[in-house]
Amino acid sequence: MAASLGFRHIVLVVTDIDRAATFYQRIMGLARVRTEPHTITLAAPGLRYVMNLTDRKETREYDTGPTGPVGSLGGIDHLGIEVDEPAEVEGLVQEWLAAGGQLLERRDMDTPYPSAFMRDLDGYLVQIYSFAAELRARVP
């Protein structure tokens, strides 16, 4: 069995790749690392995770399956963005709102682990959350 590095990237179909890139750069601190005609690649420092944004105007021969409309996650419920400390959740929620996103619900997973469900500019459902350091320390 190959050693896994974990889930490393996600690709979102968006209506305007420049607008979406600006939004995610602003609220997540991602850097634009590659720009192609129909895709922009954003990455966290050290390429810990990567987000690709595409307008899906360029298709591949194996792109034959059904795709939902922009903002639909199909069989995926939502995307999750974790911040280091519970107190940082509110700051990112405010950044999200200032950048044009929408707040849907605030929900504690377990006190004191706050989370907020948001929609981005294209309607994707994203959860912003934090697990306290003592909880993360219990995971090997």
N, C-alpha and C. Protein backbone atom coordinates (compact mmCIF):
# COMPACT_ATOMS: atom_id res chain seq x y z
N MET A 1 0.84 -1.18 0.00
CA MET A 1 0.00 0.00 0.00
C MET A 1 0.88 1.24 0.00
N ALA A 2 0.55 2.19 -0.84
CA ALA A 2 1.30 3.44 -0.90
C ALA A 2 0.98 4.31 0.30
N ALA A 3 1.98 5.04 0.77
CA ALA A 3 1.76 5.97 1.87
C ALA A 3 0.96 7.17 1.34
N SER A 4 -0.10 7.51 2.04
CA SER A 4 -0.95 8.61 1.61
C SER A 4 -0.51 9.91 2.26
N LEU A 5 -0.56 10.97 1.50
CA LEU A 5 -0.32 12.30 2.06
C LEU A 5 -1.62 12.95 2.49
N GLY A 6 -2.75 12.25 2.36
CA GLY A 6 -4.05 12.80 2.72
C GLY A 6 -4.66 13.54 1.54
N PHE A 7 -5.84 14.05 1.75
CA PHE A 7 -6.49 14.84 0.71
C PHE A 7 -5.72 16.13 0.53
N ARG A 8 -5.32 16.40 -0.69
CA ARG A 8 -4.42 17.54 -0.92
C ARG A 8 -5.01 18.66 -1.76
N HIS A 9 -6.06 18.37 -2.54
CA HIS A 9 -6.61 19.47 -3.33
C HIS A 9 -8.08 19.24 -3.63
N ILE A 10 -8.70 20.31 -4.04
CA ILE A 10 -10.09 20.27 -4.47
C ILE A 10 -10.19 21.12 -5.73
N VAL A 11 -11.10 20.78 -6.60
CA VAL A 11 -11.35 21.56 -7.82
C VAL A 11 -12.80 22.01 -7.77
N LEU A 12 -13.02 23.31 -7.86
CA LEU A 12 -14.36 23.87 -7.88
C LEU A 12 -14.64 24.47 -9.25
N VAL A 13 -15.82 24.20 -9.79
CA VAL A 13 -16.28 24.85 -11.01
C VAL A 13 -16.94 26.15 -10.58
N VAL A 14 -16.48 27.25 -11.13
CA VAL A 14 -16.98 28.57 -10.73
C VAL A 14 -17.40 29.37 -11.96
N THR A 15 -18.14 30.43 -11.73
CA THR A 15 -18.62 31.24 -12.85
C THR A 15 -17.56 32.21 -13.36
N ASP A 16 -16.65 32.64 -12.49
CA ASP A 16 -15.62 33.61 -12.86
C ASP A 16 -14.36 33.25 -12.07
N ILE A 17 -13.37 32.66 -12.75
CA ILE A 17 -12.21 32.14 -12.02
C ILE A 17 -11.38 33.26 -11.37
N ASP A 18 -11.28 34.42 -12.00
CA ASP A 18 -10.52 35.51 -11.38
C ASP A 18 -11.22 36.00 -10.11
N ARG A 19 -12.53 36.16 -10.16
CA ARG A 19 -13.30 36.62 -8.99
C ARG A 19 -13.17 35.60 -7.86
N ALA A 20 -13.34 34.31 -8.18
CA ALA A 20 -13.24 33.27 -7.16
C ALA A 20 -11.83 33.20 -6.58
N ALA A 21 -10.81 33.34 -7.42
CA ALA A 21 -9.42 33.32 -6.94
C ALA A 21 -9.17 34.48 -5.98
N THR A 22 -9.63 35.67 -6.33
CA THR A 22 -9.46 36.82 -5.46
C THR A 22 -10.14 36.59 -4.11
N PHE A 23 -11.34 36.01 -4.13
CA PHE A 23 -12.09 35.71 -2.90
C PHE A 23 -11.30 34.76 -2.02
N TYR A 24 -10.86 33.62 -2.56
CA TYR A 24 -10.17 32.62 -1.74
C TYR A 24 -8.76 33.08 -1.34
N GLN A 25 -8.12 33.89 -2.16
CA GLN A 25 -6.83 34.45 -1.76
C GLN A 25 -7.03 35.35 -0.54
N ARG A 26 -8.08 36.15 -0.58
CA ARG A 26 -8.34 37.09 0.51
C ARG A 26 -8.71 36.38 1.80
N ILE A 27 -9.63 35.44 1.74
CA ILE A 27 -10.13 34.89 3.00
C ILE A 27 -9.30 33.73 3.52
N MET A 28 -8.52 33.07 2.67
CA MET A 28 -7.73 31.93 3.13
C MET A 28 -6.23 32.17 3.04
N GLY A 29 -5.81 33.30 2.50
CA GLY A 29 -4.39 33.58 2.41
C GLY A 29 -3.66 32.69 1.43
N LEU A 30 -4.38 32.20 0.41
CA LEU A 30 -3.77 31.33 -0.58
C LEU A 30 -3.00 32.16 -1.61
N ALA A 31 -1.99 31.57 -2.19
CA ALA A 31 -1.20 32.23 -3.23
C ALA A 31 -1.56 31.63 -4.58
N ARG A 32 -1.60 32.48 -5.59
CA ARG A 32 -1.84 32.01 -6.96
C ARG A 32 -0.53 31.42 -7.47
N VAL A 33 -0.53 30.10 -7.75
CA VAL A 33 0.71 29.45 -8.16
C VAL A 33 0.71 29.06 -9.64
N ARG A 34 -0.46 29.03 -10.27
CA ARG A 34 -0.50 28.70 -11.69
C ARG A 34 -1.79 29.25 -12.29
N THR A 35 -1.65 29.82 -13.48
CA THR A 35 -2.82 30.32 -14.21
C THR A 35 -2.79 29.71 -15.60
N GLU A 36 -3.86 29.04 -15.96
CA GLU A 36 -4.03 28.45 -17.28
C GLU A 36 -5.26 29.10 -17.91
N PRO A 37 -5.53 28.84 -19.18
CA PRO A 37 -6.68 29.50 -19.81
C PRO A 37 -8.01 29.29 -19.08
N HIS A 38 -8.26 28.12 -18.50
CA HIS A 38 -9.55 27.88 -17.86
C HIS A 38 -9.43 27.41 -16.42
N THR A 39 -8.24 27.56 -15.83
CA THR A 39 -8.01 27.11 -14.46
C THR A 39 -7.01 28.01 -13.76
N ILE A 40 -7.28 28.31 -12.50
CA ILE A 40 -6.32 28.99 -11.64
C ILE A 40 -6.06 28.06 -10.46
N THR A 41 -4.78 27.89 -10.12
CA THR A 41 -4.40 27.06 -9.00
C THR A 41 -3.92 27.95 -7.86
N LEU A 42 -4.51 27.76 -6.69
CA LEU A 42 -4.13 28.47 -5.47
C LEU A 42 -3.55 27.46 -4.49
N ALA A 43 -2.62 27.89 -3.67
CA ALA A 43 -2.01 26.96 -2.71
C ALA A 43 -1.72 27.64 -1.40
N ALA A 44 -1.75 26.83 -0.33
CA ALA A 44 -1.33 27.27 0.99
C ALA A 44 0.19 27.19 1.05
N PRO A 45 0.81 27.90 1.98
CA PRO A 45 2.27 27.81 2.12
C PRO A 45 2.73 26.36 2.21
N GLY A 46 3.79 26.05 1.50
CA GLY A 46 4.33 24.70 1.51
C GLY A 46 3.48 23.70 0.74
N LEU A 47 2.53 24.17 -0.02
CA LEU A 47 1.61 23.31 -0.78
C LEU A 47 0.91 22.30 0.12
N ARG A 48 0.59 22.70 1.36
CA ARG A 48 -0.12 21.80 2.27
C ARG A 48 -1.46 21.39 1.66
N TYR A 49 -2.10 22.31 1.00
CA TYR A 49 -3.30 21.98 0.26
C TYR A 49 -3.42 22.94 -0.91
N VAL A 50 -4.15 22.49 -1.92
CA VAL A 50 -4.26 23.24 -3.16
C VAL A 50 -5.74 23.33 -3.54
N MET A 51 -6.13 24.46 -4.09
CA MET A 51 -7.48 24.66 -4.59
C MET A 51 -7.37 25.06 -6.05
N ASN A 52 -8.04 24.31 -6.91
CA ASN A 52 -8.10 24.65 -8.32
C ASN A 52 -9.49 25.21 -8.62
N LEU A 53 -9.53 26.28 -9.34
CA LEU A 53 -10.78 26.90 -9.75
C LEU A 53 -10.85 26.83 -11.27
N THR A 54 -11.96 26.35 -11.80
CA THR A 54 -12.09 26.21 -13.24
C THR A 54 -13.45 26.71 -13.70
N ASP A 55 -13.49 27.21 -14.91
CA ASP A 55 -14.78 27.61 -15.48
C ASP A 55 -15.38 26.48 -16.31
N ARG A 56 -14.66 25.35 -16.40
CA ARG A 56 -15.10 24.11 -17.07
C ARG A 56 -15.45 24.33 -18.55
N LYS A 57 -14.86 25.37 -19.15
CA LYS A 57 -15.10 25.61 -20.57
C LYS A 57 -14.22 24.72 -21.43
N GLU A 58 -13.21 24.14 -20.82
CA GLU A 58 -12.33 23.21 -21.52
C GLU A 58 -12.60 21.83 -20.93
N THR A 59 -12.96 20.88 -21.77
CA THR A 59 -13.26 19.54 -21.26
C THR A 59 -12.24 18.54 -21.78
N ARG A 60 -12.16 17.43 -21.09
CA ARG A 60 -11.29 16.33 -21.48
C ARG A 60 -12.16 15.22 -22.03
N GLU A 61 -11.58 14.32 -22.80
CA GLU A 61 -12.37 13.26 -23.42
C GLU A 61 -13.04 12.36 -22.40
N TYR A 62 -12.49 12.28 -21.20
CA TYR A 62 -13.11 11.43 -20.17
C TYR A 62 -14.11 12.20 -19.31
N ASP A 63 -14.35 13.48 -19.59
CA ASP A 63 -15.35 14.27 -18.88
C ASP A 63 -16.74 13.96 -19.43
N THR A 64 -17.17 12.73 -19.26
CA THR A 64 -18.44 12.32 -19.84
C THR A 64 -19.54 12.18 -18.80
N GLY A 65 -19.17 12.18 -17.52
CA GLY A 65 -20.17 12.00 -16.48
C GLY A 65 -20.99 13.27 -16.26
N PRO A 66 -22.07 13.13 -15.55
CA PRO A 66 -22.91 14.30 -15.29
C PRO A 66 -22.20 15.28 -14.35
N THR A 67 -22.43 16.54 -14.54
CA THR A 67 -21.94 17.55 -13.62
C THR A 67 -23.13 18.40 -13.21
N GLY A 68 -23.10 18.82 -11.97
CA GLY A 68 -24.17 19.67 -11.48
C GLY A 68 -23.88 21.12 -11.82
N PRO A 69 -24.81 21.97 -11.53
CA PRO A 69 -24.59 23.40 -11.78
C PRO A 69 -23.54 23.97 -10.83
N VAL A 70 -22.97 25.08 -11.19
CA VAL A 70 -22.01 25.76 -10.33
C VAL A 70 -22.68 25.97 -8.97
N GLY A 71 -21.94 25.72 -7.91
CA GLY A 71 -22.47 25.86 -6.55
C GLY A 71 -23.02 24.57 -5.99
N SER A 72 -23.22 23.57 -6.83
CA SER A 72 -23.72 22.27 -6.40
C SER A 72 -22.54 21.37 -6.10
N LEU A 73 -22.58 20.67 -4.99
CA LEU A 73 -21.50 19.77 -4.64
C LEU A 73 -21.80 18.32 -5.00
N GLY A 74 -22.90 18.07 -5.68
CA GLY A 74 -23.22 16.70 -6.07
C GLY A 74 -23.30 15.80 -4.85
N GLY A 75 -22.48 14.77 -4.79
CA GLY A 75 -22.49 13.84 -3.67
C GLY A 75 -21.67 14.30 -2.49
N ILE A 76 -21.04 15.45 -2.57
CA ILE A 76 -20.24 15.99 -1.47
C ILE A 76 -21.11 17.00 -0.73
N ASP A 77 -21.16 16.90 0.58
CA ASP A 77 -22.03 17.78 1.35
C ASP A 77 -21.48 19.19 1.48
N HIS A 78 -20.22 19.33 1.90
CA HIS A 78 -19.64 20.66 2.05
C HIS A 78 -18.12 20.56 2.11
N LEU A 79 -17.47 21.70 2.01
CA LEU A 79 -16.02 21.80 2.17
C LEU A 79 -15.75 22.29 3.58
N GLY A 80 -14.63 21.90 4.16
CA GLY A 80 -14.29 22.34 5.51
C GLY A 80 -12.98 23.12 5.52
N ILE A 81 -12.98 24.23 6.24
CA ILE A 81 -11.77 25.03 6.43
C ILE A 81 -11.53 25.12 7.93
N GLU A 82 -10.42 24.56 8.38
CA GLU A 82 -10.10 24.59 9.80
C GLU A 82 -9.10 25.70 10.09
N VAL A 83 -9.34 26.43 11.16
CA VAL A 83 -8.39 27.43 11.65
C VAL A 83 -7.76 26.89 12.94
N ASP A 84 -6.61 27.47 13.33
CA ASP A 84 -5.85 26.93 14.45
C ASP A 84 -6.56 27.02 15.80
N GLU A 85 -7.17 28.15 16.07
CA GLU A 85 -7.75 28.38 17.39
C GLU A 85 -9.24 28.70 17.28
N PRO A 86 -10.05 28.24 18.25
CA PRO A 86 -11.47 28.54 18.22
C PRO A 86 -11.79 30.03 18.08
N ALA A 87 -10.99 30.89 18.70
CA ALA A 87 -11.24 32.34 18.62
C ALA A 87 -11.06 32.88 17.20
N GLU A 88 -10.34 32.15 16.32
CA GLU A 88 -10.11 32.62 14.96
C GLU A 88 -11.29 32.38 14.02
N VAL A 89 -12.24 31.56 14.45
CA VAL A 89 -13.40 31.27 13.59
C VAL A 89 -14.14 32.57 13.27
N GLU A 90 -14.42 33.36 14.29
CA GLU A 90 -15.19 34.59 14.08
C GLU A 90 -14.48 35.56 13.14
N GLY A 91 -13.17 35.67 13.27
CA GLY A 91 -12.42 36.56 12.37
C GLY A 91 -12.55 36.14 10.92
N LEU A 92 -12.48 34.82 10.67
CA LEU A 92 -12.61 34.35 9.29
C LEU A 92 -14.04 34.50 8.79
N VAL A 93 -15.02 34.32 9.66
CA VAL A 93 -16.41 34.56 9.27
C VAL A 93 -16.58 36.02 8.84
N GLN A 94 -16.01 36.93 9.59
CA GLN A 94 -16.13 38.36 9.24
C GLN A 94 -15.41 38.67 7.93
N GLU A 95 -14.24 38.06 7.70
CA GLU A 95 -13.53 38.23 6.42
C GLU A 95 -14.38 37.72 5.28
N TRP A 96 -14.99 36.56 5.49
CA TRP A 96 -15.85 35.92 4.49
C TRP A 96 -16.99 36.86 4.11
N LEU A 97 -17.64 37.43 5.13
CA LEU A 97 -18.76 38.35 4.88
C LEU A 97 -18.29 39.61 4.17
N ALA A 98 -17.15 40.15 4.58
CA ALA A 98 -16.62 41.36 3.96
C ALA A 98 -16.25 41.12 2.50
N ALA A 99 -15.90 39.87 2.16
CA ALA A 99 -15.52 39.54 0.78
C ALA A 99 -16.74 39.18 -0.07
N GLY A 100 -17.94 39.20 0.53
CA GLY A 100 -19.15 38.95 -0.24
C GLY A 100 -19.80 37.61 -0.01
N GLY A 101 -19.22 36.79 0.88
CA GLY A 101 -19.83 35.50 1.19
C GLY A 101 -21.05 35.67 2.09
N GLN A 102 -21.71 34.56 2.38
CA GLN A 102 -22.95 34.59 3.15
C GLN A 102 -22.84 33.65 4.35
N LEU A 103 -23.32 34.10 5.51
CA LEU A 103 -23.39 33.29 6.71
C LEU A 103 -24.74 32.61 6.76
N LEU A 104 -24.74 31.28 6.91
CA LEU A 104 -25.99 30.52 6.98
C LEU A 104 -26.33 30.11 8.41
N GLU A 105 -25.31 29.64 9.15
CA GLU A 105 -25.58 29.10 10.48
C GLU A 105 -24.29 29.04 11.29
N ARG A 106 -24.41 29.33 12.56
CA ARG A 106 -23.31 29.11 13.51
C ARG A 106 -23.68 27.87 14.32
N ARG A 107 -22.71 27.00 14.52
CA ARG A 107 -23.01 25.78 15.27
C ARG A 107 -21.75 25.30 15.99
N ASP A 108 -21.87 25.05 17.28
CA ASP A 108 -20.77 24.43 18.01
C ASP A 108 -20.83 22.93 17.79
N MET A 109 -19.68 22.35 17.40
CA MET A 109 -19.63 20.90 17.26
C MET A 109 -19.61 20.27 18.63
N ASP A 110 -18.80 20.76 19.50
CA ASP A 110 -18.73 20.45 20.93
C ASP A 110 -18.08 21.68 21.53
N THR A 111 -18.65 22.18 22.58
CA THR A 111 -18.06 23.35 23.21
C THR A 111 -16.66 22.99 23.66
N PRO A 112 -15.67 23.73 23.42
CA PRO A 112 -15.62 25.03 22.76
C PRO A 112 -15.10 24.94 21.32
N TYR A 113 -15.73 24.16 20.48
CA TYR A 113 -15.28 23.99 19.11
C TYR A 113 -16.30 24.63 18.17
N PRO A 114 -16.17 25.93 17.93
CA PRO A 114 -17.16 26.64 17.13
C PRO A 114 -17.04 26.33 15.64
N SER A 115 -18.15 26.48 14.95
CA SER A 115 -18.12 26.37 13.50
C SER A 115 -19.20 27.28 12.92
N ALA A 116 -19.04 27.59 11.65
CA ALA A 116 -20.02 28.41 10.94
C ALA A 116 -20.15 27.85 9.53
N PHE A 117 -21.37 27.75 9.07
CA PHE A 117 -21.62 27.31 7.71
C PHE A 117 -21.85 28.54 6.85
N MET A 118 -21.11 28.61 5.74
CA MET A 118 -21.08 29.78 4.88
C MET A 118 -21.35 29.36 3.43
N ARG A 119 -21.71 30.32 2.59
CA ARG A 119 -21.73 30.11 1.15
C ARG A 119 -20.72 31.07 0.54
N ASP A 120 -19.96 30.55 -0.45
CA ASP A 120 -19.01 31.43 -1.14
C ASP A 120 -19.74 32.17 -2.26
N LEU A 121 -19.00 32.88 -3.09
CA LEU A 121 -19.61 33.71 -4.13
C LEU A 121 -20.36 32.92 -5.18
N ASP A 122 -20.01 31.64 -5.35
CA ASP A 122 -20.70 30.79 -6.33
C ASP A 122 -21.74 29.89 -5.69
N GLY A 123 -21.92 29.99 -4.37
CA GLY A 123 -22.95 29.21 -3.69
C GLY A 123 -22.48 27.92 -3.06
N TYR A 124 -21.16 27.63 -3.05
CA TYR A 124 -20.67 26.41 -2.42
C TYR A 124 -20.80 26.52 -0.91
N LEU A 125 -21.20 25.41 -0.29
CA LEU A 125 -21.35 25.34 1.17
C LEU A 125 -19.99 25.01 1.79
N VAL A 126 -19.56 25.86 2.72
CA VAL A 126 -18.26 25.71 3.36
C VAL A 126 -18.43 25.87 4.86
N GLN A 127 -17.82 24.96 5.61
CA GLN A 127 -17.83 25.06 7.06
C GLN A 127 -16.49 25.59 7.52
N ILE A 128 -16.51 26.64 8.32
CA ILE A 128 -15.32 27.19 8.96
C ILE A 128 -15.37 26.71 10.40
N TYR A 129 -14.30 26.08 10.88
CA TYR A 129 -14.35 25.50 12.21
C TYR A 129 -12.96 25.45 12.83
N SER A 130 -12.93 25.12 14.12
CA SER A 130 -11.66 24.91 14.81
C SER A 130 -11.84 23.84 15.87
N PHE A 131 -10.86 22.96 15.94
CA PHE A 131 -10.75 22.05 17.06
C PHE A 131 -9.66 22.62 17.96
N ALA A 132 -9.89 22.61 19.24
CA ALA A 132 -8.89 23.12 20.16
C ALA A 132 -7.64 22.25 20.11
N ALA A 133 -6.51 22.83 20.49
CA ALA A 133 -5.23 22.13 20.41
C ALA A 133 -5.24 20.81 21.18
N GLU A 134 -5.94 20.77 22.32
CA GLU A 134 -5.94 19.51 23.10
C GLU A 134 -6.65 18.38 22.36
N LEU A 135 -7.64 18.70 21.53
CA LEU A 135 -8.31 17.68 20.73
C LEU A 135 -7.40 17.21 19.60
N ARG A 136 -6.76 18.16 18.90
CA ARG A 136 -5.83 17.80 17.81
C ARG A 136 -4.68 16.96 18.36
N ALA A 137 -4.24 17.21 19.57
CA ALA A 137 -3.12 16.48 20.16
C ALA A 137 -3.47 15.01 20.39
N ARG A 138 -4.74 14.67 20.52
CA ARG A 138 -5.15 13.29 20.74
C ARG A 138 -5.14 12.46 19.46
N VAL A 139 -5.05 13.12 18.31
CA VAL A 139 -5.05 12.40 17.03
C VAL A 139 -3.62 12.13 16.62
N PRO A 140 -3.26 10.84 16.41
CA PRO A 140 -1.87 10.52 16.09
C PRO A 140 -1.45 11.08 14.74
